[in-house]
């Protein structure tokens, strides 16, 4: 198997931004929000969601899935278990 490095993935007006940590993702989202602002674009923070891949790996059953792992300008972003 080869290694695929995916920086971002877009679907119409949606973006997928993979990150190795919540801290990295938080920094990327806030930087993206600032860049959008420079072009008079705005992220809809109510529609923005995160997802943790492989949450169960290495986790016991007692660990509760976090409701939020990042924020944009102090607003907590919803962390979902799955997307449709």
C-alpha atoms as a PDB file:
ATOM      1  CA  UNK A   1       0.000   0.000   0.000  1.00  0.00           C
ATOM      2  CA  UNK A   2       1.152   3.482  -0.804  1.00  0.00           C
ATOM      3  CA  UNK A   3       0.811   6.631   1.218  1.00  0.00           C
ATOM      4  CA  UNK A   4      -1.608   9.306   0.104  1.00  0.00           C
ATOM      5  CA  UNK A   5      -1.146  12.804   1.483  1.00  0.00           C
ATOM      6  CA  UNK A   6      -4.419  14.698   1.323  1.00  0.00           C
ATOM      7  CA  UNK A   7      -4.233  18.383   2.214  1.00  0.00           C
ATOM      8  CA  UNK A   8      -7.913  19.223   1.687  1.00  0.00           C
ATOM      9  CA  UNK A   9     -10.926  17.908  -0.135  1.00  0.00           C
ATOM     10  CA  UNK A  10     -13.801  20.027  -1.424  1.00  0.00           C
ATOM     11  CA  UNK A  11     -17.421  19.243  -2.296  1.00  0.00           C
ATOM     12  CA  UNK A  12     -19.333  22.142  -3.892  1.00  0.00           C
ATOM     13  CA  UNK A  13     -19.213  24.698  -1.074  1.00  0.00           C
ATOM     14  CA  UNK A  14     -18.012  22.150   1.543  1.00  0.00           C
ATOM     15  CA  UNK A  15     -14.413  21.511   2.598  1.00  0.00           C
ATOM     16  CA  UNK A  16     -12.780  18.551   4.302  1.00  0.00           C
ATOM     17  CA  UNK A  17      -9.661  19.527   6.253  1.00  0.00           C
ATOM     18  CA  UNK A  18      -7.769  16.573   7.756  1.00  0.00           C
ATOM     19  CA  UNK A  19      -5.569  17.301  10.765  1.00  0.00           C
ATOM     20  CA  UNK A  20      -3.409  15.208  13.079  1.00  0.00           C
ATOM     21  CA  UNK A  21      -4.630  16.946  16.227  1.00  0.00           C
ATOM     22  CA  UNK A  22      -7.424  19.156  17.501  1.00  0.00           C
ATOM     23  CA  UNK A  23      -4.857  21.920  18.025  1.00  0.00           C
ATOM     24  CA  UNK A  24      -3.760  21.747  14.376  1.00  0.00           C
ATOM     25  CA  UNK A  25      -7.363  21.736  13.184  1.00  0.00           C
ATOM     26  CA  UNK A  26      -8.248  24.676  15.425  1.00  0.00           C
ATOM     27  CA  UNK A  27      -5.349  26.705  14.004  1.00  0.00           C
ATOM     28  CA  UNK A  28      -6.308  25.811  10.411  1.00  0.00           C
ATOM     29  CA  UNK A  29      -9.990  26.677  10.895  1.00  0.00           C
ATOM     30  CA  UNK A  30      -9.212  30.042  12.452  1.00  0.00           C
ATOM     31  CA  UNK A  31      -6.703  30.879   9.703  1.00  0.00           C
ATOM     32  CA  UNK A  32      -9.227  29.841   7.029  1.00  0.00           C
ATOM     33  CA  UNK A  33     -11.869  32.009   8.707  1.00  0.00           C
ATOM     34  CA  UNK A  34      -9.506  35.008   8.576  1.00  0.00           C
ATOM     35  CA  UNK A  35      -8.666  34.399   4.896  1.00  0.00           C
ATOM     36  CA  UNK A  36     -12.372  34.087   4.062  1.00  0.00           C
ATOM     37  CA  UNK A  37     -12.932  37.449   5.782  1.00  0.00           C
ATOM     38  CA  UNK A  38     -10.369  39.090   3.500  1.00  0.00           C
ATOM     39  CA  UNK A  39     -12.615  38.138   0.560  1.00  0.00           C
ATOM     40  CA  UNK A  40     -15.851  39.153   2.306  1.00  0.00           C
ATOM     41  CA  UNK A  41     -16.782  35.489   2.842  1.00  0.00           C
ATOM     42  CA  UNK A  42     -18.057  34.122   6.128  1.00  0.00           C
ATOM     43  CA  UNK A  43     -17.991  30.626   7.593  1.00  0.00           C
ATOM     44  CA  UNK A  44     -21.363  29.494   8.899  1.00  0.00           C
ATOM     45  CA  UNK A  45     -20.298  28.335  12.354  1.00  0.00           C
ATOM     46  CA  UNK A  46     -23.681  26.723  13.001  1.00  0.00           C
ATOM     47  CA  UNK A  47     -23.251  24.464   9.938  1.00  0.00           C
ATOM     48  CA  UNK A  48     -19.544  23.789  10.510  1.00  0.00           C
ATOM     49  CA  UNK A  49     -18.826  20.425  12.165  1.00  0.00           C
ATOM     50  CA  UNK A  50     -15.848  18.236  13.005  1.00  0.00           C
ATOM     51  CA  UNK A  51     -15.508  14.462  13.148  1.00  0.00           C
ATOM     52  CA  UNK A  52     -12.891  12.296  14.874  1.00  0.00           C
ATOM     53  CA  UNK A  53     -11.883   9.335  12.703  1.00  0.00           C
ATOM     54  CA  UNK A  54     -11.234   6.045  14.509  1.00  0.00           C
ATOM     55  CA  UNK A  55     -12.478   7.367  17.866  1.00  0.00           C
ATOM     56  CA  UNK A  56     -12.797   3.867  19.358  1.00  0.00           C
ATOM     57  CA  UNK A  57      -9.208   2.874  18.541  1.00  0.00           C
ATOM     58  CA  UNK A  58      -7.262   2.910  21.796  1.00  0.00           C
ATOM     59  CA  UNK A  59     -10.237   4.244  23.759  1.00  0.00           C
ATOM     60  CA  UNK A  60     -12.065   2.438  26.517  1.00  0.00           C
ATOM     61  CA  UNK A  61     -15.848   2.310  26.641  1.00  0.00           C
ATOM     62  CA  UNK A  62     -15.798   4.881  29.457  1.00  0.00           C
ATOM     63  CA  UNK A  63     -14.491   7.681  27.232  1.00  0.00           C
ATOM     64  CA  UNK A  64     -17.354   9.914  26.152  1.00  0.00           C
ATOM     65  CA  UNK A  65     -17.260  11.287  22.609  1.00  0.00           C
ATOM     66  CA  UNK A  66     -16.498  15.038  22.891  1.00  0.00           C
ATOM     67  CA  UNK A  67     -19.232  17.498  21.910  1.00  0.00           C
ATOM     68  CA  UNK A  68     -16.636  19.994  20.649  1.00  0.00           C
ATOM     69  CA  UNK A  69     -12.892  19.865  19.996  1.00  0.00           C
ATOM     70  CA  UNK A  70     -12.312  23.253  18.305  1.00  0.00           C
ATOM     71  CA  UNK A  71     -13.650  26.797  18.253  1.00  0.00           C
ATOM     72  CA  UNK A  72     -13.714  29.656  15.790  1.00  0.00           C
ATOM     73  CA  UNK A  73     -13.249  33.054  17.413  1.00  0.00           C
ATOM     74  CA  UNK A  74     -14.381  31.600  20.743  1.00  0.00           C
ATOM     75  CA  UNK A  75     -17.493  29.855  19.356  1.00  0.00           C
ATOM     76  CA  UNK A  76     -17.474  26.099  19.994  1.00  0.00           C
ATOM     77  CA  UNK A  77     -17.887  24.006  16.840  1.00  0.00           C
ATOM     78  CA  UNK A  78     -20.062  20.868  16.993  1.00  0.00           C
ATOM     79  CA  UNK A  79     -18.183  17.551  16.886  1.00  0.00           C
ATOM     80  CA  UNK A  80     -20.342  14.893  15.166  1.00  0.00           C
ATOM     81  CA  UNK A  81     -20.010  11.105  15.262  1.00  0.00           C
ATOM     82  CA  UNK A  82     -20.902  10.813  11.556  1.00  0.00           C
ATOM     83  CA  UNK A  83     -21.948  12.781   8.484  1.00  0.00           C
ATOM     84  CA  UNK A  84     -24.666  12.022   5.939  1.00  0.00           C
END
